[in-house]
Amino acid sequence: MAQLPLAIQLPDDETFATFEPGDNIELLDVVQQQQRGLVYLWGRQGVGKSHLLHALCANTQQPVMYLPLGELKDSIQPQVLQGLEQYSLLCLDDIEAVLSDTQWCYELFALFNRVRDLNHGLLVITARNAPAALDVAVADVHSRLQWGLTLQVKPLNDDHKVAALQARAKNLGLSLSEETAQFMVQRLGRDMRSLMRCLTKLDRASIAAKRRLTIPFVKDVLAI
């Protein structure tokens, strides 16, 4: 993976191999095969949009730029977008965070035009809503966001969430039974981001206590 700006560190365990597709198998194939143009991924929080961007970045040796706009909007200026069309892979995560700002919209509009004219690499954007449902300060940005391929990242059902938890646990070197994973899904809510954070906490606690991930242990560590 090429160097990322602003000391952004991506999680090394969010790859295509650790992505539980659920009903997104076709989407996953398209995302991995796309080489040029614009791909717009939308879906509610916790469905795996950022995971897909991280996986794309990890899967290429070409120059990469990844910007989590929701995290960075208060610490960077819109002009940071100037020149980014030169990257073979450009990922703009959580674009909705800046769309109410006119200056950001002008810079985005110009960037989209440069990416299309250069036809050099792949621009992947994520948001919670489809392009037509976005509240955008500059109307022309709407048309640019619909210039390429728009794909909805569908949420996992409970069985897929159990499988995702077990796969991530295995990646961490943990043994997570189906029964315990089902308990976590049922008791901790069904947002995958929250579930994965809980699993990380359980991983640390399991190592410290030298305990297996049983339901009583999960209850104790997470106070549920």
C-alpha atoms as a PDB file:
ATOM      1  CA  MET A   1       0.000   0.000   0.000  1.00  0.00           C
ATOM      2  CA  ALA A   2       1.322   3.447  -0.891  1.00  0.00           C
ATOM      3  CA  GLN A   3       2.002   6.096   1.730  1.00  0.00           C
ATOM      4  CA  LEU A   4      -1.029   7.876   3.143  1.00  0.00           C
ATOM      5  CA  PRO A   5      -1.152  11.579   4.027  1.00  0.00           C
ATOM      6  CA  LEU A   6      -1.593  13.289   7.378  1.00  0.00           C
ATOM      7  CA  ALA A   7      -0.251  10.293   9.319  1.00  0.00           C
ATOM      8  CA  ILE A   8      -3.516   8.408   8.755  1.00  0.00           C
ATOM      9  CA  GLN A   9      -3.160   4.841   9.944  1.00  0.00           C
ATOM     10  CA  LEU A  10      -5.581   2.323   8.515  1.00  0.00           C
ATOM     11  CA  PRO A  11      -6.538  -0.814  10.459  1.00  0.00           C
ATOM     12  CA  ASP A  12      -4.508  -3.709   9.113  1.00  0.00           C
ATOM     13  CA  ASP A  13      -7.295  -6.190   9.809  1.00  0.00           C
ATOM     14  CA  GLU A  14      -9.857  -4.542   7.514  1.00  0.00           C
ATOM     15  CA  THR A  15      -9.159  -6.294   4.232  1.00  0.00           C
ATOM     16  CA  PHE A  16     -11.274  -7.995   1.596  1.00  0.00           C
ATOM     17  CA  ALA A  17     -10.507 -11.303   3.304  1.00  0.00           C
ATOM     18  CA  THR A  18     -12.087 -10.102   6.566  1.00  0.00           C
ATOM     19  CA  PHE A  19     -15.103  -8.406   4.969  1.00  0.00           C
ATOM     20  CA  GLU A  20     -18.303 -10.376   5.557  1.00  0.00           C
ATOM     21  CA  PRO A  21     -20.306  -9.661   2.374  1.00  0.00           C
ATOM     22  CA  GLY A  22     -23.723 -10.956   3.372  1.00  0.00           C
ATOM     23  CA  ASP A  23     -26.001  -9.718   0.593  1.00  0.00           C
ATOM     24  CA  ASN A  24     -23.181  -7.598  -0.889  1.00  0.00           C
ATOM     25  CA  ILE A  25     -21.392 -10.322  -2.844  1.00  0.00           C
ATOM     26  CA  GLU A  26     -22.029  -8.713  -6.234  1.00  0.00           C
ATOM     27  CA  LEU A  27     -21.056  -5.293  -4.882  1.00  0.00           C
ATOM     28  CA  LEU A  28     -17.819  -6.730  -3.503  1.00  0.00           C
ATOM     29  CA  ASP A  29     -16.930  -8.197  -6.893  1.00  0.00           C
ATOM     30  CA  VAL A  30     -17.608  -4.893  -8.663  1.00  0.00           C
ATOM     31  CA  VAL A  31     -15.580  -2.848  -6.181  1.00  0.00           C
ATOM     32  CA  GLN A  32     -12.578  -5.157  -6.504  1.00  0.00           C
ATOM     33  CA  GLN A  33     -12.689  -5.127 -10.309  1.00  0.00           C
ATOM     34  CA  GLN A  34     -13.224  -1.404 -10.873  1.00  0.00           C
ATOM     35  CA  GLN A  35     -10.089   0.383 -12.092  1.00  0.00           C
ATOM     36  CA  ARG A  36     -11.204   3.841 -13.232  1.00  0.00           C
ATOM     37  CA  GLY A  37     -13.979   6.355 -12.791  1.00  0.00           C
ATOM     38  CA  LEU A  38     -16.227   7.019  -9.802  1.00  0.00           C
ATOM     39  CA  VAL A  39     -17.793   4.510  -7.423  1.00  0.00           C
ATOM     40  CA  TYR A  40     -20.266   5.906  -4.890  1.00  0.00           C
ATOM     41  CA  LEU A  41     -20.996   3.609  -1.944  1.00  0.00           C
ATOM     42  CA  TRP A  42     -23.870   4.453   0.358  1.00  0.00           C
ATOM     43  CA  GLY A  43     -25.514   2.833   3.340  1.00  0.00           C
ATOM     44  CA  ARG A  44     -26.268   3.417   6.970  1.00  0.00           C
ATOM     45  CA  GLN A  45     -23.575   3.650   9.617  1.00  0.00           C
ATOM     46  CA  GLY A  46     -21.841   0.402  10.445  1.00  0.00           C
ATOM     47  CA  VAL A  47     -22.546  -1.517   7.223  1.00  0.00           C
ATOM     48  CA  GLY A  48     -18.867  -1.671   6.226  1.00  0.00           C
ATOM     49  CA  LYS A  49     -18.294   1.274   3.888  1.00  0.00           C
ATOM     50  CA  SER A  50     -15.051   2.332   5.570  1.00  0.00           C
ATOM     51  CA  HIS A  51     -13.954  -1.310   5.733  1.00  0.00           C
ATOM     52  CA  LEU A  52     -14.270  -1.512   1.946  1.00  0.00           C
ATOM     53  CA  LEU A  53     -12.173   1.633   1.475  1.00  0.00           C
ATOM     54  CA  HIS A  54      -9.512   0.319   3.837  1.00  0.00           C
ATOM     55  CA  ALA A  55      -9.509  -2.972   1.931  1.00  0.00           C
ATOM     56  CA  LEU A  56      -9.096  -1.185  -1.397  1.00  0.00           C
ATOM     57  CA  CYS A  57      -6.127   0.750  -0.038  1.00  0.00           C
ATOM     58  CA  ALA A  58      -4.536  -2.409   1.343  1.00  0.00           C
ATOM     59  CA  ASN A  59      -5.065  -4.271  -1.926  1.00  0.00           C
ATOM     60  CA  THR A  60      -3.049  -2.015  -4.222  1.00  0.00           C
ATOM     61  CA  GLN A  61       0.580  -1.078  -4.665  1.00  0.00           C
ATOM     62  CA  GLN A  62      -0.367   2.044  -6.615  1.00  0.00           C
ATOM     63  CA  PRO A  63      -0.326   5.573  -5.116  1.00  0.00           C
ATOM     64  CA  VAL A  64      -3.243   5.928  -2.686  1.00  0.00           C
ATOM     65  CA  MET A  65      -4.965   8.850  -0.990  1.00  0.00           C
ATOM     66  CA  TYR A  66      -7.520   8.146   1.758  1.00  0.00           C
ATOM     67  CA  LEU A  67      -9.356  11.014   3.466  1.00  0.00           C
ATOM     68  CA  PRO A  68     -11.857  10.316   6.277  1.00  0.00           C
ATOM     69  CA  LEU A  69     -13.639  13.637   5.888  1.00  0.00           C
ATOM     70  CA  GLY A  70     -15.804  13.230   8.961  1.00  0.00           C
ATOM     71  CA  GLU A  71     -12.679  13.009  11.114  1.00  0.00           C
ATOM     72  CA  LEU A  72     -10.571  15.598   9.289  1.00  0.00           C
ATOM     73  CA  LYS A  73     -12.986  18.367   8.290  1.00  0.00           C
ATOM     74  CA  ASP A  74     -12.070  20.581  11.260  1.00  0.00           C
ATOM     75  CA  SER A  75      -8.319  20.156  10.799  1.00  0.00           C
ATOM     76  CA  ILE A  76      -7.858  20.504   7.025  1.00  0.00           C
ATOM     77  CA  GLN A  77      -8.843  23.056   4.404  1.00  0.00           C
ATOM     78  CA  PRO A  78     -10.851  22.306   1.230  1.00  0.00           C
ATOM     79  CA  GLN A  79      -7.743  23.105  -0.821  1.00  0.00           C
ATOM     80  CA  VAL A  80      -6.308  19.757   0.283  1.00  0.00           C
ATOM     81  CA  LEU A  81      -8.326  18.301  -2.621  1.00  0.00           C
ATOM     82  CA  GLN A  82      -6.265  20.145  -5.212  1.00  0.00           C
ATOM     83  CA  GLY A  83      -4.042  17.772  -7.170  1.00  0.00           C
ATOM     84  CA  LEU A  84      -5.551  14.579  -5.780  1.00  0.00           C
ATOM     85  CA  GLU A  85      -6.679  13.496  -9.245  1.00  0.00           C
ATOM     86  CA  GLN A  86      -3.097  12.272  -9.791  1.00  0.00           C
ATOM     87  CA  TYR A  87      -3.589   9.334  -7.430  1.00  0.00           C
ATOM     88  CA  SER A  88      -4.402   5.926  -8.865  1.00  0.00           C
ATOM     89  CA  LEU A  89      -6.834   5.375  -5.991  1.00  0.00           C
ATOM     90  CA  LEU A  90      -8.577   8.226  -4.196  1.00  0.00           C
ATOM     91  CA  CYS A  91     -10.972   7.427  -1.336  1.00  0.00           C
ATOM     92  CA  LEU A  92     -13.209  10.090   0.212  1.00  0.00           C
ATOM     93  CA  ASP A  93     -14.894   8.590   3.264  1.00  0.00           C
ATOM     94  CA  ASP A  94     -18.036  10.179   4.756  1.00  0.00           C
ATOM     95  CA  ILE A  95     -18.422  12.909   2.138  1.00  0.00           C
ATOM     96  CA  GLU A  96     -21.634  14.156   3.747  1.00  0.00           C
ATOM     97  CA  ALA A  97     -19.529  15.739   6.482  1.00  0.00           C
ATOM     98  CA  VAL A  98     -18.458  18.556   4.140  1.00  0.00           C
ATOM     99  CA  LEU A  99     -21.342  18.933   1.667  1.00  0.00           C
ATOM    100  CA  SER A 100     -23.018  21.758   3.584  1.00  0.00           C
ATOM    101  CA  ASP A 101     -19.886  23.893   3.155  1.00  0.00           C
ATOM    102  CA  THR A 102     -19.845  25.926  -0.065  1.00  0.00           C
ATOM    103  CA  GLN A 103     -16.054  26.075  -0.360  1.00  0.00           C
ATOM    104  CA  TRP A 104     -15.740  22.321   0.085  1.00  0.00           C
ATOM    105  CA  CYS A 105     -18.376  21.830  -2.601  1.00  0.00           C
ATOM    106  CA  TYR A 106     -16.536  24.065  -5.066  1.00  0.00           C
ATOM    107  CA  GLU A 107     -13.316  22.132  -4.489  1.00  0.00           C
ATOM    108  CA  LEU A 108     -15.137  18.800  -4.805  1.00  0.00           C
ATOM    109  CA  PHE A 109     -16.801  19.910  -8.035  1.00  0.00           C
ATOM    110  CA  ALA A 110     -13.434  20.890  -9.498  1.00  0.00           C
ATOM    111  CA  LEU A 111     -11.851  17.636  -8.329  1.00  0.00           C
ATOM    112  CA  PHE A 112     -14.589  15.513  -9.899  1.00  0.00           C
ATOM    113  CA  ASN A 113     -14.103  17.324 -13.202  1.00  0.00           C
ATOM    114  CA  ARG A 114     -10.338  16.786 -13.103  1.00  0.00           C
ATOM    115  CA  VAL A 115     -10.734  13.092 -12.266  1.00  0.00           C
ATOM    116  CA  ARG A 116     -13.139  12.612 -15.167  1.00  0.00           C
ATOM    117  CA  ASP A 117     -10.994  14.563 -17.624  1.00  0.00           C
ATOM    118  CA  LEU A 118      -7.774  12.812 -16.628  1.00  0.00           C
ATOM    119  CA  ASN A 119      -9.395   9.340 -16.605  1.00  0.00           C
ATOM    120  CA  HIS A 120      -6.366   8.127 -14.720  1.00  0.00           C
ATOM    121  CA  GLY A 121      -7.566   6.284 -11.648  1.00  0.00           C
ATOM    122  CA  LEU A 122     -10.416   5.303  -9.374  1.00  0.00           C
ATOM    123  CA  LEU A 123     -12.348   7.664  -7.095  1.00  0.00           C
ATOM    124  CA  VAL A 124     -14.405   5.940  -4.389  1.00  0.00           C
ATOM    125  CA  ILE A 125     -16.795   7.959  -2.233  1.00  0.00           C
ATOM    126  CA  THR A 126     -18.881   6.873   0.750  1.00  0.00           C
ATOM    127  CA  ALA A 127     -21.951   8.435   2.348  1.00  0.00           C
ATOM    128  CA  ARG A 128     -24.940   7.371   4.400  1.00  0.00           C
ATOM    129  CA  ASN A 129     -27.448   8.459   1.760  1.00  0.00           C
ATOM    130  CA  ALA A 130     -27.860   8.039  -1.986  1.00  0.00           C
ATOM    131  CA  PRO A 131     -26.709  11.033  -4.082  1.00  0.00           C
ATOM    132  CA  ALA A 132     -30.241  12.272  -4.795  1.00  0.00           C
ATOM    133  CA  ALA A 133     -31.005  12.398  -1.057  1.00  0.00           C
ATOM    134  CA  LEU A 134     -27.993  14.505  -0.103  1.00  0.00           C
ATOM    135  CA  ASP A 135     -28.243  18.065   1.173  1.00  0.00           C
ATOM    136  CA  VAL A 136     -25.574  19.821  -0.903  1.00  0.00           C
ATOM    137  CA  ALA A 137     -24.588  23.495  -0.727  1.00  0.00           C
ATOM    138  CA  VAL A 138     -23.752  23.625  -4.461  1.00  0.00           C
ATOM    139  CA  ALA A 139     -26.354  21.984  -6.696  1.00  0.00           C
ATOM    140  CA  ASP A 140     -23.900  21.018  -9.460  1.00  0.00           C
ATOM    141  CA  VAL A 141     -22.187  18.621  -7.069  1.00  0.00           C
ATOM    142  CA  HIS A 142     -25.313  16.429  -7.197  1.00  0.00           C
ATOM    143  CA  SER A 143     -24.796  15.676 -10.875  1.00  0.00           C
ATOM    144  CA  ARG A 144     -21.108  14.958 -10.381  1.00  0.00           C
ATOM    145  CA  LEU A 145     -21.822  12.506  -7.574  1.00  0.00           C
ATOM    146  CA  GLN A 146     -24.088  10.590  -9.962  1.00  0.00           C
ATOM    147  CA  TRP A 147     -21.512  10.578 -12.749  1.00  0.00           C
ATOM    148  CA  GLY A 148     -20.255   7.065 -12.010  1.00  0.00           C
ATOM    149  CA  LEU A 149     -21.448   3.842 -10.434  1.00  0.00           C
ATOM    150  CA  THR A 150     -23.740   4.084  -7.388  1.00  0.00           C
ATOM    151  CA  LEU A 151     -23.998   1.044  -5.110  1.00  0.00           C
ATOM    152  CA  GLN A 152     -25.847   0.504  -1.845  1.00  0.00           C
ATOM    153  CA  VAL A 153     -23.994  -1.395   0.872  1.00  0.00           C
ATOM    154  CA  LYS A 154     -26.718  -3.477   2.472  1.00  0.00           C
ATOM    155  CA  PRO A 155     -26.711  -4.245   6.202  1.00  0.00           C
ATOM    156  CA  LEU A 156     -25.908  -7.734   7.407  1.00  0.00           C
ATOM    157  CA  ASN A 157     -28.592  -9.949   8.868  1.00  0.00           C
ATOM    158  CA  ASP A 158     -27.968 -11.457  12.295  1.00  0.00           C
ATOM    159  CA  ASP A 159     -26.489 -14.691  10.937  1.00  0.00           C
ATOM    160  CA  HIS A 160     -24.007 -12.746   8.829  1.00  0.00           C
ATOM    161  CA  LYS A 161     -23.101 -10.583  11.833  1.00  0.00           C
ATOM    162  CA  VAL A 162     -22.356 -13.704  13.845  1.00  0.00           C
ATOM    163  CA  ALA A 163     -20.134 -14.948  11.014  1.00  0.00           C
ATOM    164  CA  ALA A 164     -18.383 -11.564  10.823  1.00  0.00           C
ATOM    165  CA  LEU A 165     -17.702 -11.555  14.566  1.00  0.00           C
ATOM    166  CA  GLN A 166     -16.323 -15.081  14.445  1.00  0.00           C
ATOM    167  CA  ALA A 167     -14.106 -14.249  11.475  1.00  0.00           C
ATOM    168  CA  ARG A 168     -12.706 -11.143  13.172  1.00  0.00           C
ATOM    169  CA  ALA A 169     -12.163 -13.091  16.402  1.00  0.00           C
ATOM    170  CA  LYS A 170     -10.245 -15.746  14.483  1.00  0.00           C
ATOM    171  CA  ASN A 171      -8.131 -13.013  12.911  1.00  0.00           C
ATOM    172  CA  LEU A 172      -7.328 -11.795  16.431  1.00  0.00           C
ATOM    173  CA  GLY A 173      -6.381 -15.294  17.528  1.00  0.00           C
ATOM    174  CA  LEU A 174      -9.522 -15.761  19.610  1.00  0.00           C
ATOM    175  CA  SER A 175     -12.015 -18.600  19.726  1.00  0.00           C
ATOM    176  CA  LEU A 176     -15.567 -17.216  19.650  1.00  0.00           C
ATOM    177  CA  SER A 177     -18.337 -19.783  19.705  1.00  0.00           C
ATOM    178  CA  GLU A 178     -21.481 -19.304  17.659  1.00  0.00           C
ATOM    179  CA  GLU A 179     -23.513 -19.195  20.880  1.00  0.00           C
ATOM    180  CA  THR A 180     -21.405 -16.384  22.353  1.00  0.00           C
ATOM    181  CA  ALA A 181     -21.411 -14.459  19.079  1.00  0.00           C
ATOM    182  CA  GLN A 182     -25.207 -14.751  18.894  1.00  0.00           C
ATOM    183  CA  PHE A 183     -25.457 -13.461  22.459  1.00  0.00           C
ATOM    184  CA  MET A 184     -23.332 -10.428  21.547  1.00  0.00           C
ATOM    185  CA  VAL A 185     -25.483  -9.607  18.526  1.00  0.00           C
ATOM    186  CA  GLN A 186     -28.698  -9.931  20.512  1.00  0.00           C
ATOM    187  CA  ARG A 187     -27.564  -7.993  23.584  1.00  0.00           C
ATOM    188  CA  LEU A 188     -25.184  -5.352  22.233  1.00  0.00           C
ATOM    189  CA  GLY A 189     -27.231  -3.973  19.379  1.00  0.00           C
ATOM    190  CA  ARG A 190     -26.790  -4.694  15.747  1.00  0.00           C
ATOM    191  CA  ASP A 191     -24.396  -1.970  14.595  1.00  0.00           C
ATOM    192  CA  MET A 192     -21.283  -3.738  13.318  1.00  0.00           C
ATOM    193  CA  ARG A 193     -18.943  -0.905  14.225  1.00  0.00           C
ATOM    194  CA  SER A 194     -20.064  -1.099  17.859  1.00  0.00           C
ATOM    195  CA  LEU A 195     -19.872  -4.883  17.866  1.00  0.00           C
ATOM    196  CA  MET A 196     -16.311  -4.824  16.557  1.00  0.00           C
ATOM    197  CA  ARG A 197     -15.285  -2.266  19.172  1.00  0.00           C
ATOM    198  CA  CYS A 198     -16.701  -4.567  21.851  1.00  0.00           C
ATOM    199  CA  LEU A 199     -14.781  -7.488  20.382  1.00  0.00           C
ATOM    200  CA  THR A 200     -11.551  -5.483  20.558  1.00  0.00           C
ATOM    201  CA  LYS A 201     -12.246  -4.740  24.228  1.00  0.00           C
ATOM    202  CA  LEU A 202     -12.941  -8.418  24.852  1.00  0.00           C
ATOM    203  CA  ASP A 203      -9.705  -9.352  23.119  1.00  0.00           C
ATOM    204  CA  ARG A 204      -7.672  -7.201  25.512  1.00  0.00           C
ATOM    205  CA  ALA A 205      -9.598  -8.451  28.538  1.00  0.00           C
ATOM    206  CA  SER A 206      -9.237 -12.076  27.454  1.00  0.00           C
ATOM    207  CA  ILE A 207      -5.468 -11.735  27.135  1.00  0.00           C
ATOM    208  CA  ALA A 208      -5.163  -9.988  30.502  1.00  0.00           C
ATOM    209  CA  ALA A 209      -7.375 -12.476  32.345  1.00  0.00           C
ATOM    210  CA  LYS A 210      -6.289 -15.515  30.317  1.00  0.00           C
ATOM    211  CA  ARG A 211      -9.951 -16.377  29.837  1.00  0.00           C
ATOM    212  CA  ARG A 212     -11.937 -17.740  26.933  1.00  0.00           C
ATOM    213  CA  LEU A 213     -14.762 -15.706  25.396  1.00  0.00           C
ATOM    214  CA  THR A 214     -17.678 -17.327  27.166  1.00  0.00           C
ATOM    215  CA  ILE A 215     -21.049 -15.676  27.718  1.00  0.00           C
ATOM    216  CA  PRO A 216     -20.378 -15.111  31.462  1.00  0.00           C
ATOM    217  CA  PHE A 217     -17.009 -13.512  30.614  1.00  0.00           C
ATOM    218  CA  VAL A 218     -18.613 -11.269  27.978  1.00  0.00           C
ATOM    219  CA  LYS A 219     -21.280 -10.225  30.479  1.00  0.00           C
ATOM    220  CA  ASP A 220     -18.653  -9.391  33.080  1.00  0.00           C
ATOM    221  CA  VAL A 221     -16.305  -7.418  30.819  1.00  0.00           C
ATOM    222  CA  LEU A 222     -19.024  -5.451  29.044  1.00  0.00           C
ATOM    223  CA  ALA A 223     -21.268  -5.073  32.100  1.00  0.00           C
ATOM    224  CA  ILE A 224     -24.376  -6.392  30.391  1.00  0.00           C
END
